[in-house]
Amino acid sequence: MDFLSVIIVLIVVFALLFDFINGFHDTANAIATSVSTKALTPRRAIILAAVMNFVGALTFTGVAQTITSGITNPFDLENGLAVILAALIAAIVWNLVTWYAGIPSSSSHAIIGAITGAVIVSAGYNAIHYHGFLSILEGLFFSPVFAFIVGFILYGIIKVIFKNSNLAKTNKRFRLVQVLTASVQSFAHGTNDAQKSMGIITMALIVGGMHTTAAIPFWVQASCATAMALGTSVGGWRIIKTVGGKIMKIRPVNGVAADLTGAAVIFGATLIHLPVSTTHVISSGILGVGASHRVKGVNWGVAKRMVVTWVITLPITAVIGGIIYYILDLFI
């Protein structure tokens, strides 16, 4: 096997590792509410999320194509394989750090920031496709704001509809409904999050001369879907604890509203081929529902810590990606 092939194999391995970590890092968000309300046992919730993530990841490829060519032109990248490998390593490092700390940061922010930093160090600012890059940033920024608003309004509507209902009976019914909404949210998560690695691998194949279009090969799609499903099966208890309990006390009716909010916003972004942070969207949906339920019942301290992490992820991973690229470029 020649040196170029070895590097591409390494990129595929690291991309699948990123998807695996993404599985237990981000997918925990999709099932956190159903676990915290006891609508599902942790084991059943993880199995459900793994299956629905796999199905979702096999269903769409638009987001992957945006990652492949939206930030930079992979056909023009000099030392492109080093750029891609550096970005993957940087994103993995940041994901593991935030997972260990129990902070639900964004894998989407991490990989996009890392790619941007590595590209800039490699080829300068002019190598960035600013129109595509800004579109991606707009999606990352506005999606959590939209999720907060949708969650606030949706829970307000539910409160009006069920204002005269018996609380115990209502919660029992919504606990059953939450099994369905958790499934939908996990499916939506798969349609968006697993595609980041698909785009990365396809970009590497293009740079290495093994692929000629932005279309995602099926073997790439299937392997990334499998890696994320396996990562999901491992679970992400640290993140579940933060999202499912520390933001607010979640009851089944809150959980259904939050799940529907997250699924709607994530799936909407997938349909227009925009990568979004499922972490941002789901957490913001919970915050919106919590604020609609009772503002004082939301732990805004945890929310503030999450927002700070979200804000710093892009620049930090860009710097890490740039540094790792500089080191790799000495050897590749």
Protein backbone atom coordinates (compact mmCIF):
# COMPACT_ATOMS: atom_id res chain seq x y z
CA MET A 1 0.00 0.00 0.00
CA ASP A 2 1.44 3.40 -1.00
CA PHE A 3 1.74 6.38 1.34
CA LEU A 4 -1.31 8.18 -0.11
CA SER A 5 -3.51 5.15 0.47
CA VAL A 6 -2.25 4.82 4.04
CA ILE A 7 -3.25 8.44 4.78
CA ILE A 8 -6.70 7.93 3.27
CA VAL A 9 -7.20 4.78 5.34
CA LEU A 10 -6.18 6.74 8.45
CA ILE A 11 -8.70 9.46 7.58
CA VAL A 12 -11.47 6.89 7.16
CA VAL A 13 -10.58 5.32 10.52
CA PHE A 14 -10.50 8.68 12.32
CA ALA A 15 -13.74 9.79 10.62
CA LEU A 16 -15.50 6.63 11.81
CA LEU A 17 -13.99 7.15 15.27
CA PHE A 18 -15.38 10.71 15.22
CA ASP A 19 -18.80 9.32 14.31
CA PHE A 20 -18.55 6.71 17.07
CA ILE A 21 -17.69 9.40 19.64
CA ASN A 22 -20.41 11.59 18.17
CA GLY A 23 -22.79 8.71 18.82
CA PHE A 24 -22.30 8.65 22.58
CA HIS A 25 -21.52 12.37 22.81
CA ASP A 26 -24.45 13.88 20.89
CA THR A 27 -27.01 11.11 20.60
CA ALA A 28 -27.43 11.16 24.36
CA ASN A 29 -29.27 14.44 23.86
CA ALA A 30 -31.92 12.75 21.73
CA ILE A 31 -32.91 10.31 24.50
CA ALA A 32 -32.12 12.36 27.61
CA THR A 33 -35.68 13.53 28.21
CA SER A 34 -37.25 10.08 27.75
CA VAL A 35 -34.76 8.57 30.22
CA SER A 36 -35.22 11.32 32.80
CA THR A 37 -39.03 10.95 32.75
CA LYS A 38 -38.75 7.14 32.89
CA ALA A 39 -40.71 6.84 29.65
CA LEU A 40 -37.91 4.48 28.62
CA THR A 41 -35.31 2.59 30.58
CA PRO A 42 -31.76 3.64 29.74
CA ARG A 43 -31.10 0.34 27.96
CA ARG A 44 -34.24 0.53 25.81
CA ALA A 45 -33.68 4.21 25.07
CA ILE A 46 -30.14 3.56 23.84
CA ILE A 47 -31.22 0.62 21.65
CA LEU A 48 -34.06 2.71 20.21
CA ALA A 49 -31.74 5.66 19.54
CA ALA A 50 -29.10 3.44 17.92
CA VAL A 51 -31.62 1.87 15.52
CA MET A 52 -33.32 5.16 14.60
CA ASN A 53 -29.97 6.93 14.16
CA PHE A 54 -28.85 4.20 11.78
CA VAL A 55 -32.05 4.47 9.72
CA GLY A 56 -31.85 8.26 9.66
CA ALA A 57 -28.23 8.26 8.58
CA LEU A 58 -29.04 6.04 5.59
CA THR A 59 -31.93 8.22 4.46
CA PHE A 60 -30.34 11.54 3.47
CA THR A 61 -27.00 12.82 2.12
CA GLY A 62 -27.58 16.54 1.50
CA VAL A 63 -25.83 17.69 4.67
CA ALA A 64 -22.82 15.50 3.83
CA GLN A 65 -22.51 17.20 0.45
CA THR A 66 -22.60 20.61 2.15
CA ILE A 67 -19.69 19.56 4.40
CA THR A 68 -17.80 18.15 1.39
CA SER A 69 -17.81 21.35 -0.66
CA GLY A 70 -19.42 24.12 1.41
CA ILE A 71 -16.41 25.23 3.44
CA THR A 72 -13.67 24.85 0.83
CA ASN A 73 -13.12 23.32 -2.60
CA PRO A 74 -11.62 19.86 -2.03
CA PHE A 75 -10.40 19.73 -5.64
CA ASP A 76 -8.13 22.75 -5.05
CA LEU A 77 -6.78 21.84 -1.62
CA GLU A 78 -3.02 21.56 -1.43
CA ASN A 79 -1.97 19.08 1.24
CA GLY A 80 -5.68 18.40 1.56
CA LEU A 81 -5.27 15.03 3.25
CA ALA A 82 -3.24 16.60 6.05
CA VAL A 83 -5.96 19.25 6.41
CA ILE A 84 -8.69 16.63 6.77
CA LEU A 85 -6.73 14.42 9.16
CA ALA A 86 -5.84 17.44 11.34
CA ALA A 87 -9.48 18.53 11.47
CA LEU A 88 -10.63 15.07 12.56
CA ILE A 89 -8.02 14.78 15.30
CA ALA A 90 -8.85 18.27 16.61
CA ALA A 91 -12.60 17.58 16.68
CA ILE A 92 -12.11 14.23 18.43
CA VAL A 93 -9.88 15.79 21.10
CA TRP A 94 -12.43 18.53 21.82
CA ASN A 95 -15.35 16.07 21.90
CA LEU A 96 -13.58 13.86 24.43
CA VAL A 97 -12.63 16.81 26.64
CA THR A 98 -16.20 18.15 26.77
CA TRP A 99 -17.68 14.67 27.17
CA TYR A 100 -15.42 13.98 30.15
CA ALA A 101 -16.51 17.28 31.69
CA GLY A 102 -20.17 16.40 31.07
CA ILE A 103 -20.70 19.51 28.94
CA PRO A 104 -23.06 19.06 25.97
CA SER A 105 -20.92 20.90 23.44
CA SER A 106 -21.38 20.68 19.68
CA SER A 107 -19.66 18.08 17.50
CA SER A 108 -20.85 20.11 14.51
CA HIS A 109 -19.09 23.23 15.76
CA ALA A 110 -16.01 21.16 16.53
CA ILE A 111 -15.55 19.61 13.09
CA ILE A 112 -16.47 22.78 11.17
CA GLY A 113 -14.15 24.92 13.29
CA ALA A 114 -11.34 22.39 12.95
CA ILE A 115 -11.68 22.16 9.16
CA THR A 116 -11.68 25.96 8.87
CA GLY A 117 -8.58 26.37 11.01
CA ALA A 118 -6.64 23.67 9.17
CA VAL A 119 -7.61 25.08 5.74
CA ILE A 120 -6.54 28.60 6.72
CA VAL A 121 -3.14 27.44 7.97
CA SER A 122 -2.70 25.30 4.86
CA ALA A 123 -3.89 27.63 2.10
CA GLY A 124 -4.81 30.97 3.63
CA TYR A 125 -8.11 32.77 4.16
CA ASN A 126 -8.88 32.90 0.43
CA ALA A 127 -9.30 29.11 0.38
CA ILE A 128 -12.46 29.41 2.47
CA HIS A 129 -15.78 29.51 0.58
CA TYR A 130 -17.22 32.38 2.58
CA HIS A 131 -20.72 32.16 1.12
CA GLY A 132 -21.03 28.48 2.06
CA PHE A 133 -19.19 28.97 5.35
CA LEU A 134 -21.45 31.85 6.40
CA SER A 135 -24.54 29.83 5.45
CA ILE A 136 -23.33 27.04 7.72
CA LEU A 137 -22.65 29.51 10.54
CA GLU A 138 -26.10 31.04 10.13
CA GLY A 139 -27.65 27.59 10.46
CA LEU A 140 -25.59 26.83 13.56
CA PHE A 141 -26.48 30.19 15.13
CA PHE A 142 -30.17 30.55 14.29
CA SER A 143 -31.26 26.94 14.81
CA PRO A 144 -30.98 27.02 18.63
CA VAL A 145 -32.73 30.41 18.74
CA PHE A 146 -35.51 28.98 16.58
CA ALA A 147 -35.67 25.86 18.78
CA PHE A 148 -36.06 27.99 21.92
CA ILE A 149 -38.94 29.92 20.32
CA VAL A 150 -40.65 26.79 18.97
CA GLY A 151 -40.31 25.02 22.33
CA PHE A 152 -41.74 28.02 24.18
CA ILE A 153 -44.74 28.32 21.83
CA LEU A 154 -45.40 24.57 21.53
CA TYR A 155 -45.48 24.02 25.28
CA GLY A 156 -47.72 27.08 25.65
CA ILE A 157 -50.19 25.49 23.23
CA ILE A 158 -50.05 22.16 25.09
CA LYS A 159 -50.73 23.94 28.40
CA VAL A 160 -53.85 25.57 26.98
CA ILE A 161 -55.16 22.30 25.47
CA PHE A 162 -54.64 20.24 28.63
CA LYS A 163 -55.27 22.92 31.27
CA ASN A 164 -58.31 21.10 32.68
CA SER A 165 -56.82 17.60 32.50
CA ASN A 166 -55.88 15.43 35.44
CA LEU A 167 -52.11 15.85 35.88
CA ALA A 168 -51.39 12.21 36.78
CA LYS A 169 -53.39 10.81 33.86
CA THR A 170 -51.92 13.38 31.48
CA ASN A 171 -48.36 12.51 32.46
CA LYS A 172 -49.08 8.79 32.03
CA ARG A 173 -50.39 9.35 28.51
CA PHE A 174 -47.55 11.64 27.56
CA ARG A 175 -45.05 9.10 28.86
CA LEU A 176 -46.36 6.68 26.22
CA VAL A 177 -46.28 9.38 23.54
CA GLN A 178 -42.69 10.15 24.49
CA VAL A 179 -41.55 6.75 23.21
CA LEU A 180 -42.69 7.87 19.76
CA THR A 181 -41.24 11.39 20.03
CA ALA A 182 -37.89 10.04 21.22
CA SER A 183 -37.84 7.76 18.16
CA VAL A 184 -38.60 10.67 15.84
CA GLN A 185 -35.93 12.83 17.42
CA SER A 186 -33.32 10.06 17.15
CA PHE A 187 -34.23 9.57 13.49
CA ALA A 188 -33.86 13.31 12.85
CA HIS A 189 -30.51 13.28 14.64
CA GLY A 190 -29.26 10.55 12.31
CA THR A 191 -30.34 12.47 9.21
CA ASN A 192 -28.05 15.35 10.16
CA ASP A 193 -25.24 14.41 12.54
CA ALA A 194 -23.94 11.21 10.93
CA GLN A 195 -23.54 13.05 7.66
CA LYS A 196 -20.65 15.18 8.88
CA SER A 197 -18.28 12.21 8.74
CA MET A 198 -19.73 11.13 5.40
CA GLY A 199 -18.76 14.52 3.99
CA ILE A 200 -15.28 14.33 5.52
CA ILE A 201 -14.54 10.88 4.05
CA THR A 202 -15.87 11.89 0.65
CA MET A 203 -13.67 14.99 0.74
CA ALA A 204 -10.65 12.79 1.46
CA LEU A 205 -11.51 10.47 -1.43
CA ILE A 206 -11.76 13.48 -3.75
CA VAL A 207 -8.44 14.94 -2.60
CA GLY A 208 -6.81 11.52 -2.99
CA GLY A 209 -8.12 11.18 -6.54
CA MET A 210 -10.35 8.21 -5.68
CA HIS A 211 -13.66 10.02 -6.22
CA THR A 212 -14.69 12.70 -8.68
CA THR A 213 -17.98 14.18 -7.41
CA ALA A 214 -19.56 15.41 -4.18
CA ALA A 215 -22.01 12.47 -4.28
CA ILE A 216 -21.64 10.25 -1.21
CA PRO A 217 -20.66 6.62 -1.95
CA PHE A 218 -23.03 4.13 -0.34
CA TRP A 219 -20.24 2.32 1.53
CA VAL A 220 -19.34 5.64 3.17
CA GLN A 221 -22.96 6.24 4.12
CA ALA A 222 -23.39 2.73 5.55
CA SER A 223 -20.10 2.72 7.51
CA CYS A 224 -20.79 6.13 9.09
CA ALA A 225 -24.33 5.09 10.01
CA THR A 226 -22.97 1.94 11.63
CA ALA A 227 -20.26 3.81 13.55
CA MET A 228 -22.77 6.28 14.97
CA ALA A 229 -25.20 3.51 15.90
CA LEU A 230 -22.42 1.64 17.72
CA GLY A 231 -21.40 4.83 19.53
CA THR A 232 -25.00 5.39 20.54
CA SER A 233 -25.16 1.86 21.96
CA VAL A 234 -22.31 2.74 24.33
CA GLY A 235 -24.39 5.55 25.78
CA GLY A 236 -23.47 8.99 27.02
CA TRP A 237 -24.49 9.07 30.65
CA ARG A 238 -22.59 12.25 31.51
CA ILE A 239 -24.42 14.19 28.82
CA ILE A 240 -27.79 12.57 29.63
CA LYS A 241 -27.41 13.70 33.24
CA THR A 242 -26.82 17.31 32.20
CA VAL A 243 -29.45 17.60 29.47
CA GLY A 244 -32.06 15.40 31.10
CA GLY A 245 -31.95 16.71 34.64
CA LYS A 246 -29.74 19.68 35.33
CA ILE A 247 -31.42 22.16 32.96
CA MET A 248 -34.89 21.71 34.48
CA LYS A 249 -37.05 19.06 36.11
CA ILE A 250 -38.59 17.32 33.12
CA ARG A 251 -42.04 15.71 33.20
CA PRO A 252 -43.45 13.63 30.33
CA VAL A 253 -45.46 16.54 28.92
CA ASN A 254 -42.31 18.71 28.93
CA GLY A 255 -40.35 15.89 27.32
CA VAL A 256 -42.82 15.44 24.47
CA ALA A 257 -42.76 19.17 23.70
CA ALA A 258 -38.95 19.25 23.79
CA ASP A 259 -38.62 16.12 21.63
CA LEU A 260 -41.03 17.43 19.00
CA THR A 261 -39.23 20.76 18.95
CA GLY A 262 -35.81 19.18 18.47
CA ALA A 263 -37.01 16.77 15.79
CA ALA A 264 -38.80 19.50 13.81
CA VAL A 265 -35.86 21.91 13.79
CA ILE A 266 -33.20 19.26 13.04
CA PHE A 267 -35.23 17.63 10.29
CA GLY A 268 -36.06 21.03 8.78
CA ALA A 269 -32.34 21.82 8.60
CA THR A 270 -31.65 18.44 6.98
CA LEU A 271 -34.21 19.14 4.26
CA ILE A 272 -32.39 22.35 3.28
CA HIS A 273 -28.98 20.60 3.52
CA LEU A 274 -27.70 22.62 6.49
CA PRO A 275 -25.62 21.02 9.24
CA VAL A 276 -26.84 22.08 12.66
CA SER A 277 -25.78 21.26 16.16
CA THR A 278 -28.22 18.71 17.54
CA THR A 279 -26.83 19.52 20.98
CA HIS A 280 -27.71 23.19 20.60
CA VAL A 281 -31.12 22.48 19.14
CA ILE A 282 -32.24 19.90 21.70
CA SER A 283 -30.88 21.82 24.70
CA SER A 284 -32.41 25.07 23.46
CA GLY A 285 -35.73 23.33 22.91
CA ILE A 286 -35.66 22.16 26.54
CA LEU A 287 -34.82 25.69 27.67
CA GLY A 288 -37.73 27.08 25.64
CA VAL A 289 -40.14 24.53 27.11
CA GLY A 290 -38.80 25.22 30.60
CA ALA A 291 -39.17 28.98 30.23
CA SER A 292 -42.75 28.49 28.99
CA HIS A 293 -43.52 26.19 31.92
CA ARG A 294 -41.90 28.25 34.67
CA VAL A 295 -38.96 30.60 34.14
CA LYS A 296 -37.68 30.13 37.68
CA GLY A 297 -37.70 26.37 37.22
CA VAL A 298 -34.88 26.54 34.68
CA ASN A 299 -31.30 26.25 35.91
CA TRP A 300 -29.97 29.22 33.98
CA GLY A 301 -26.50 28.67 35.44
CA VAL A 302 -26.19 25.39 33.54
CA ALA A 303 -27.64 27.09 30.47
CA LYS A 304 -25.04 29.84 30.70
CA ARG A 305 -22.20 27.32 30.98
CA MET A 306 -23.51 25.51 27.91
CA VAL A 307 -23.77 28.73 25.90
CA VAL A 308 -20.20 29.69 26.79
CA THR A 309 -19.00 26.28 25.60
CA TRP A 310 -20.96 26.63 22.38
CA VAL A 311 -19.43 30.04 21.70
CA ILE A 312 -15.82 29.02 22.34
CA THR A 313 -15.94 25.68 20.47
CA LEU A 314 -15.51 27.13 16.95
CA PRO A 315 -12.47 29.32 17.65
CA ILE A 316 -10.79 26.79 19.94
CA THR A 317 -11.15 23.89 17.51
CA ALA A 318 -10.02 26.17 14.65
CA VAL A 319 -6.82 26.90 16.58
CA ILE A 320 -6.32 23.23 17.51
CA GLY A 321 -6.97 22.18 13.90
CA GLY A 322 -4.46 24.72 12.62
CA ILE A 323 -1.78 23.61 15.08
CA ILE A 324 -2.27 19.92 14.35
CA TYR A 325 -2.15 20.62 10.59
CA TYR A 326 1.14 22.50 11.03
CA ILE A 327 2.61 19.49 12.86
CA LEU A 328 1.26 16.94 10.35
CA ASP A 329 2.52 19.00 7.42
CA LEU A 330 6.07 18.46 8.66
CA PHE A 331 5.67 14.72 8.15
CA ILE A 332 3.07 14.26 5.37
